[in-house]
Amino acid sequence: MFLITTVNKLFDDISDLEAELRKSEFNRNLEIRSLLDDEQEMRFERMMQSKKMMEKNKMMRKNSRL
């Protein structure tokens, strides 16, 4: 029983840390965008979309190996 409780606590901790990371990234991106002009913001948006696609492709490759 102790092991199950410990593992569940670790899952909860990981979830909390992931949520904090997402919030921090979101706030950082808002701050960056507030400093950019229109052209820079468009380039930043393209860069972020490219990053998302790379992460998605990485996840798909990882899942295909399973």
Protein backbone atom coordinates (compact mmCIF):
# COMPACT_ATOMS: atom_id res chain seq x y z
CA MET A 1 0.00 0.00 0.00
CA PHE A 2 2.87 2.38 0.80
CA LEU A 3 4.24 1.96 -2.72
CA ILE A 4 0.90 2.83 -4.34
CA THR A 5 0.55 5.93 -2.18
CA THR A 6 4.09 7.02 -2.98
CA VAL A 7 3.66 6.51 -6.72
CA ASN A 8 0.33 8.36 -6.73
CA LYS A 9 1.96 11.25 -4.87
CA LEU A 10 4.74 11.35 -7.45
CA PHE A 11 2.18 11.45 -10.27
CA ASP A 12 0.43 14.35 -8.55
CA ASP A 13 3.73 16.18 -8.07
CA ILE A 14 4.64 15.69 -11.73
CA SER A 15 1.23 16.98 -12.83
CA ASP A 16 1.63 20.06 -10.63
CA LEU A 17 5.11 20.75 -11.98
CA GLU A 18 3.95 20.33 -15.58
CA ALA A 19 1.10 22.79 -14.98
CA GLU A 20 3.50 25.32 -13.45
CA LEU A 21 5.82 24.91 -16.43
CA ARG A 22 2.97 25.51 -18.91
CA LYS A 23 1.89 28.62 -16.98
CA SER A 24 5.44 29.92 -16.88
CA GLU A 25 5.93 29.34 -20.62
CA PHE A 26 2.61 31.05 -21.39
CA ASN A 27 3.52 34.10 -19.27
CA ARG A 28 7.00 34.26 -20.80
CA ASN A 29 5.52 34.22 -24.31
CA LEU A 30 3.06 36.98 -23.39
CA GLU A 31 5.92 39.07 -22.06
CA ILE A 32 8.00 38.48 -25.19
CA ARG A 33 5.09 39.39 -27.47
CA SER A 34 4.53 42.64 -25.59
CA LEU A 35 8.04 43.71 -26.64
CA LEU A 36 7.72 42.86 -30.33
CA ASP A 37 6.53 44.92 -33.27
CA ASP A 38 4.04 43.39 -35.73
CA GLU A 39 6.65 41.82 -38.02
CA GLN A 40 8.62 40.37 -35.13
CA GLU A 41 5.43 38.99 -33.60
CA MET A 42 4.57 37.22 -36.87
CA ARG A 43 8.06 35.70 -36.99
CA PHE A 44 7.78 34.68 -33.36
CA GLU A 45 4.41 33.02 -34.06
CA ARG A 46 5.91 31.08 -37.00
CA MET A 47 8.81 30.00 -34.79
CA MET A 48 6.41 28.78 -32.08
CA GLN A 49 4.33 26.86 -34.66
CA SER A 50 7.49 25.25 -36.00
CA LYS A 51 8.48 24.25 -32.47
CA LYS A 52 5.04 22.67 -31.91
CA MET A 53 5.33 20.69 -35.15
CA MET A 54 8.80 19.42 -34.20
CA GLU A 55 7.52 18.33 -30.78
CA LYS A 56 4.52 16.62 -32.37
CA ASN A 57 6.77 14.78 -34.86
CA LYS A 58 9.10 13.75 -32.07
CA MET A 59 6.17 12.36 -30.08
CA MET A 60 4.86 10.49 -33.12
CA ARG A 61 8.27 8.92 -33.76
CA LYS A 62 8.54 7.96 -30.10
CA ASN A 63 5.08 6.37 -30.12
CA SER A 64 5.75 4.48 -33.33
CA ARG A 65 8.70 2.72 -31.67
CA LEU A 66 6.45 1.31 -28.93
